[in-house]
Amino acid sequence: MDHEAACDPAYGRMDDLLDVLTRSKAMHIMLVLDQQGRAMRFTDLKRMVDSTSTTVSRRLKELKEHGLIHHTDEEEGSGSYALSDDAKSLSPIFRDLFNWVAARAH
């Protein structure tokens, strides 16, 4: 690798993305939203990722701040979460990672 490639700012952005995605339940939330293919309510996400409200709430906030999900207000006082268009473009990567792990389960 040459020096210019090593200094590419994309490496720092990649580190930031991986930092967010490797936090507890972040990737799981992304996978669930990807697999469902639709916006989901907080309570449904919480149930499907089997985590505390605090953890799911924190991850949703962080994923939203990084432009990976968005919150949609459906009715007064409620709403759902969905993958952003940018995150949808990561879908093949999510699926490949999931399939790779699933194939190695014993």
N, C-alpha and C. Protein backbone atom coordinates (compact mmCIF):
# COMPACT_ATOMS: atom_id res chain seq x y z
N MET A 1 0.85 -1.18 0.00
CA MET A 1 0.00 0.00 0.00
C MET A 1 0.89 1.23 0.00
N ASP A 2 0.60 2.17 -0.88
CA ASP A 2 1.42 3.37 -0.91
C ASP A 2 0.97 4.36 0.17
N HIS A 3 1.81 5.34 0.42
CA HIS A 3 1.56 6.31 1.49
C HIS A 3 0.26 7.09 1.28
N GLU A 4 -0.02 7.49 0.05
CA GLU A 4 -1.24 8.26 -0.21
C GLU A 4 -2.49 7.46 0.09
N ALA A 5 -2.51 6.19 -0.26
CA ALA A 5 -3.67 5.34 0.01
C ALA A 5 -3.85 5.17 1.52
N ALA A 6 -2.76 5.05 2.27
CA ALA A 6 -2.85 4.88 3.71
C ALA A 6 -3.41 6.12 4.39
N CYS A 7 -3.27 7.26 3.77
CA CYS A 7 -3.72 8.52 4.37
C CYS A 7 -5.12 8.92 3.89
N ASP A 8 -5.75 8.11 3.11
CA ASP A 8 -7.08 8.41 2.59
C ASP A 8 -8.05 8.62 3.75
N PRO A 9 -8.76 9.74 3.78
CA PRO A 9 -9.71 10.01 4.86
C PRO A 9 -10.83 8.98 4.96
N ALA A 10 -11.04 8.20 3.92
CA ALA A 10 -12.08 7.17 3.98
C ALA A 10 -11.77 6.14 5.06
N TYR A 11 -10.49 5.93 5.38
CA TYR A 11 -10.14 4.99 6.44
C TYR A 11 -10.70 5.45 7.78
N GLY A 12 -10.61 6.73 8.06
CA GLY A 12 -11.17 7.28 9.29
C GLY A 12 -12.68 7.15 9.34
N ARG A 13 -13.32 7.39 8.21
CA ARG A 13 -14.79 7.24 8.15
C ARG A 13 -15.18 5.78 8.32
N MET A 14 -14.37 4.87 7.78
CA MET A 14 -14.63 3.45 7.95
C MET A 14 -14.50 3.06 9.42
N ASP A 15 -13.48 3.58 10.09
CA ASP A 15 -13.33 3.33 11.52
C ASP A 15 -14.55 3.82 12.30
N ASP A 16 -15.05 5.00 11.95
CA ASP A 16 -16.23 5.55 12.62
C ASP A 16 -17.45 4.65 12.40
N LEU A 17 -17.64 4.19 11.17
CA LEU A 17 -18.76 3.31 10.87
C LEU A 17 -18.66 2.00 11.65
N LEU A 18 -17.48 1.39 11.64
CA LEU A 18 -17.31 0.14 12.35
C LEU A 18 -17.46 0.32 13.86
N ASP A 19 -17.05 1.46 14.37
CA ASP A 19 -17.23 1.75 15.80
C ASP A 19 -18.71 1.72 16.16
N VAL A 20 -19.53 2.32 15.33
CA VAL A 20 -20.98 2.36 15.59
C VAL A 20 -21.59 0.97 15.42
N LEU A 21 -21.26 0.29 14.34
CA LEU A 21 -21.88 -1.00 14.04
C LEU A 21 -21.47 -2.11 15.00
N THR A 22 -20.32 -1.97 15.65
CA THR A 22 -19.87 -3.02 16.55
C THR A 22 -20.33 -2.82 17.99
N ARG A 23 -21.09 -1.78 18.24
CA ARG A 23 -21.64 -1.60 19.58
C ARG A 23 -22.77 -2.61 19.80
N SER A 24 -22.99 -2.92 21.05
CA SER A 24 -23.99 -3.92 21.41
C SER A 24 -25.33 -3.68 20.72
N LYS A 25 -25.77 -4.66 19.98
CA LYS A 25 -27.07 -4.72 19.30
C LYS A 25 -27.21 -3.82 18.08
N ALA A 26 -26.21 -3.03 17.74
CA ALA A 26 -26.33 -2.13 16.58
C ALA A 26 -26.49 -2.91 15.28
N MET A 27 -25.61 -3.86 15.04
CA MET A 27 -25.69 -4.65 13.82
C MET A 27 -26.97 -5.49 13.81
N HIS A 28 -27.36 -5.98 14.98
CA HIS A 28 -28.58 -6.77 15.08
C HIS A 28 -29.80 -5.93 14.66
N ILE A 29 -29.85 -4.69 15.12
CA ILE A 29 -30.94 -3.78 14.72
C ILE A 29 -30.92 -3.57 13.21
N MET A 30 -29.74 -3.35 12.66
CA MET A 30 -29.62 -3.14 11.22
C MET A 30 -30.08 -4.38 10.45
N LEU A 31 -29.68 -5.56 10.91
CA LEU A 31 -30.07 -6.81 10.26
C LEU A 31 -31.58 -7.02 10.30
N VAL A 32 -32.17 -6.76 11.46
CA VAL A 32 -33.63 -6.93 11.59
C VAL A 32 -34.35 -5.99 10.63
N LEU A 33 -33.96 -4.73 10.61
CA LEU A 33 -34.61 -3.78 9.70
C LEU A 33 -34.41 -4.19 8.25
N ASP A 34 -33.22 -4.68 7.94
CA ASP A 34 -32.95 -5.12 6.57
C ASP A 34 -33.80 -6.34 6.22
N GLN A 35 -33.84 -7.32 7.10
CA GLN A 35 -34.59 -8.54 6.82
C GLN A 35 -36.10 -8.30 6.76
N GLN A 36 -36.60 -7.40 7.58
CA GLN A 36 -38.03 -7.10 7.57
C GLN A 36 -38.42 -6.29 6.33
N GLY A 37 -37.49 -5.48 5.85
CA GLY A 37 -37.74 -4.69 4.64
C GLY A 37 -38.80 -3.62 4.79
N ARG A 38 -39.04 -3.20 6.02
CA ARG A 38 -40.06 -2.18 6.28
C ARG A 38 -39.71 -1.45 7.56
N ALA A 39 -40.38 -0.32 7.79
CA ALA A 39 -40.20 0.42 9.03
C ALA A 39 -40.80 -0.40 10.18
N MET A 40 -40.18 -0.28 11.35
CA MET A 40 -40.64 -1.04 12.51
C MET A 40 -40.75 -0.15 13.73
N ARG A 41 -41.73 -0.45 14.56
CA ARG A 41 -41.91 0.28 15.81
C ARG A 41 -40.84 -0.12 16.82
N PHE A 42 -40.55 0.79 17.73
CA PHE A 42 -39.53 0.57 18.76
C PHE A 42 -39.78 -0.74 19.52
N THR A 43 -41.02 -0.96 19.96
CA THR A 43 -41.31 -2.15 20.77
C THR A 43 -41.07 -3.43 19.99
N ASP A 44 -41.37 -3.43 18.70
CA ASP A 44 -41.12 -4.61 17.88
C ASP A 44 -39.62 -4.85 17.69
N LEU A 45 -38.87 -3.77 17.46
CA LEU A 45 -37.42 -3.89 17.35
C LEU A 45 -36.82 -4.42 18.65
N LYS A 46 -37.25 -3.86 19.76
CA LYS A 46 -36.74 -4.27 21.07
C LYS A 46 -36.98 -5.76 21.29
N ARG A 47 -38.15 -6.22 20.96
CA ARG A 47 -38.49 -7.64 21.12
C ARG A 47 -37.62 -8.51 20.21
N MET A 48 -37.45 -8.09 18.97
CA MET A 48 -36.71 -8.92 18.00
C MET A 48 -35.21 -8.97 18.27
N VAL A 49 -34.65 -7.92 18.87
CA VAL A 49 -33.22 -7.95 19.18
C VAL A 49 -32.97 -8.41 20.62
N ASP A 50 -34.05 -8.64 21.37
CA ASP A 50 -33.95 -9.18 22.73
C ASP A 50 -32.97 -8.38 23.58
N SER A 51 -33.31 -7.11 23.76
CA SER A 51 -32.43 -6.23 24.53
C SER A 51 -33.27 -5.28 25.36
N THR A 52 -32.58 -4.51 26.20
CA THR A 52 -33.26 -3.55 27.06
C THR A 52 -33.68 -2.32 26.26
N SER A 53 -34.66 -1.62 26.78
CA SER A 53 -35.10 -0.38 26.14
C SER A 53 -33.96 0.63 26.06
N THR A 54 -33.16 0.69 27.10
CA THR A 54 -32.04 1.64 27.13
C THR A 54 -31.05 1.36 26.01
N THR A 55 -30.66 0.11 25.86
CA THR A 55 -29.69 -0.25 24.82
C THR A 55 -30.25 0.02 23.43
N VAL A 56 -31.48 -0.41 23.16
CA VAL A 56 -32.08 -0.20 21.84
C VAL A 56 -32.22 1.29 21.57
N SER A 57 -32.66 2.05 22.56
CA SER A 57 -32.81 3.49 22.38
C SER A 57 -31.48 4.16 22.06
N ARG A 58 -30.43 3.79 22.76
CA ARG A 58 -29.10 4.36 22.50
C ARG A 58 -28.62 4.01 21.10
N ARG A 59 -28.76 2.75 20.71
CA ARG A 59 -28.30 2.33 19.38
C ARG A 59 -29.09 3.03 18.29
N LEU A 60 -30.40 3.14 18.46
CA LEU A 60 -31.20 3.83 17.45
C LEU A 60 -30.75 5.28 17.30
N LYS A 61 -30.48 5.92 18.41
CA LYS A 61 -30.01 7.31 18.37
C LYS A 61 -28.68 7.41 17.64
N GLU A 62 -27.75 6.51 17.95
CA GLU A 62 -26.43 6.53 17.31
C GLU A 62 -26.53 6.20 15.82
N LEU A 63 -27.32 5.21 15.48
CA LEU A 63 -27.49 4.84 14.07
C LEU A 63 -28.14 5.98 13.29
N LYS A 64 -29.07 6.66 13.94
CA LYS A 64 -29.72 7.82 13.31
C LYS A 64 -28.71 8.95 13.10
N GLU A 65 -27.88 9.21 14.10
CA GLU A 65 -26.86 10.27 13.99
C GLU A 65 -25.87 9.99 12.86
N HIS A 66 -25.64 8.72 12.56
CA HIS A 66 -24.72 8.35 11.49
C HIS A 66 -25.42 8.17 10.15
N GLY A 67 -26.70 8.52 10.10
CA GLY A 67 -27.43 8.48 8.84
C GLY A 67 -27.77 7.09 8.35
N LEU A 68 -27.77 6.11 9.25
CA LEU A 68 -28.04 4.73 8.86
C LEU A 68 -29.52 4.35 8.99
N ILE A 69 -30.22 5.04 9.86
CA ILE A 69 -31.66 4.82 9.99
C ILE A 69 -32.34 6.17 10.09
N HIS A 70 -33.65 6.15 9.93
CA HIS A 70 -34.42 7.36 10.15
C HIS A 70 -35.70 6.99 10.90
N HIS A 71 -36.22 7.97 11.59
CA HIS A 71 -37.43 7.81 12.38
C HIS A 71 -38.58 8.42 11.61
N THR A 72 -39.66 7.69 11.49
CA THR A 72 -40.83 8.19 10.78
C THR A 72 -41.99 8.28 11.75
N ASP A 73 -42.63 9.43 11.80
CA ASP A 73 -43.80 9.60 12.65
C ASP A 73 -45.01 9.11 11.89
N GLU A 74 -45.63 8.04 12.42
CA GLU A 74 -46.80 7.49 11.76
C GLU A 74 -48.08 8.07 12.34
N GLU A 75 -48.14 8.11 13.64
CA GLU A 75 -49.31 8.65 14.32
C GLU A 75 -48.81 9.54 15.44
N GLU A 76 -49.69 10.30 15.98
CA GLU A 76 -49.32 11.17 17.09
C GLU A 76 -48.82 10.32 18.25
N GLY A 77 -47.61 10.59 18.70
CA GLY A 77 -47.04 9.88 19.83
C GLY A 77 -46.37 8.56 19.50
N SER A 78 -46.36 8.15 18.25
CA SER A 78 -45.68 6.91 17.90
C SER A 78 -44.92 7.10 16.60
N GLY A 79 -44.15 6.13 16.27
CA GLY A 79 -43.39 6.19 15.03
C GLY A 79 -42.62 4.92 14.83
N SER A 80 -41.95 4.85 13.72
CA SER A 80 -41.20 3.66 13.37
C SER A 80 -39.80 4.04 12.90
N TYR A 81 -38.97 3.03 12.82
CA TYR A 81 -37.59 3.20 12.38
C TYR A 81 -37.37 2.37 11.13
N ALA A 82 -36.61 2.93 10.20
CA ALA A 82 -36.33 2.24 8.94
C ALA A 82 -34.90 2.54 8.54
N LEU A 83 -34.35 1.67 7.69
CA LEU A 83 -33.02 1.92 7.15
C LEU A 83 -33.05 3.12 6.22
N SER A 84 -32.01 3.90 6.25
CA SER A 84 -31.86 5.00 5.30
C SER A 84 -31.50 4.41 3.94
N ASP A 85 -31.59 5.21 2.91
CA ASP A 85 -31.20 4.74 1.58
C ASP A 85 -29.73 4.33 1.56
N ASP A 86 -28.88 5.09 2.26
CA ASP A 86 -27.46 4.73 2.34
C ASP A 86 -27.29 3.35 2.99
N ALA A 87 -28.00 3.12 4.08
CA ALA A 87 -27.89 1.84 4.76
C ALA A 87 -28.45 0.70 3.91
N LYS A 88 -29.48 0.98 3.14
CA LYS A 88 -30.03 -0.07 2.26
C LYS A 88 -28.98 -0.53 1.26
N SER A 89 -28.09 0.37 0.87
CA SER A 89 -27.03 -0.03 -0.07
C SER A 89 -26.02 -0.97 0.59
N LEU A 90 -26.03 -1.05 1.92
CA LEU A 90 -25.17 -1.99 2.65
C LEU A 90 -25.81 -3.37 2.80
N SER A 91 -27.04 -3.50 2.37
CA SER A 91 -27.79 -4.75 2.55
C SER A 91 -27.03 -6.00 2.10
N PRO A 92 -26.40 -6.00 0.93
CA PRO A 92 -25.66 -7.21 0.54
C PRO A 92 -24.55 -7.57 1.53
N ILE A 93 -23.93 -6.57 2.10
CA ILE A 93 -22.86 -6.81 3.07
C ILE A 93 -23.45 -7.40 4.35
N PHE A 94 -24.57 -6.83 4.84
CA PHE A 94 -25.24 -7.37 6.03
C PHE A 94 -25.61 -8.84 5.80
N ARG A 95 -26.19 -9.11 4.66
CA ARG A 95 -26.64 -10.48 4.37
C ARG A 95 -25.46 -11.44 4.24
N ASP A 96 -24.39 -11.00 3.59
CA ASP A 96 -23.21 -11.85 3.48
C ASP A 96 -22.61 -12.16 4.85
N LEU A 97 -22.52 -11.15 5.71
CA LEU A 97 -22.00 -11.38 7.06
C LEU A 97 -22.88 -12.35 7.83
N PHE A 98 -24.18 -12.13 7.77
CA PHE A 98 -25.12 -13.01 8.46
C PHE A 98 -24.99 -14.44 7.95
N ASN A 99 -24.98 -14.61 6.64
CA ASN A 99 -24.88 -15.94 6.05
C ASN A 99 -23.54 -16.61 6.40
N TRP A 100 -22.47 -15.84 6.42
CA TRP A 100 -21.17 -16.37 6.78
C TRP A 100 -21.19 -16.90 8.21
N VAL A 101 -21.75 -16.11 9.13
CA VAL A 101 -21.83 -16.54 10.54
C VAL A 101 -22.75 -17.74 10.67
N ALA A 102 -23.91 -17.69 10.04
CA ALA A 102 -24.89 -18.78 10.14
C ALA A 102 -24.30 -20.10 9.61
N ALA A 103 -23.49 -20.02 8.56
CA ALA A 103 -22.90 -21.23 7.98
C ALA A 103 -21.88 -21.86 8.91
N ARG A 104 -21.36 -21.11 9.85
CA ARG A 104 -20.35 -21.61 10.77
C ARG A 104 -20.91 -21.98 12.14
N ALA A 105 -22.22 -21.86 12.31
CA ALA A 105 -22.86 -22.21 13.59
C ALA A 105 -22.85 -23.72 13.76
N HIS A 106 -22.56 -24.13 14.96
CA HIS A 106 -22.53 -25.58 15.23
C HIS A 106 -23.51 -25.91 16.31
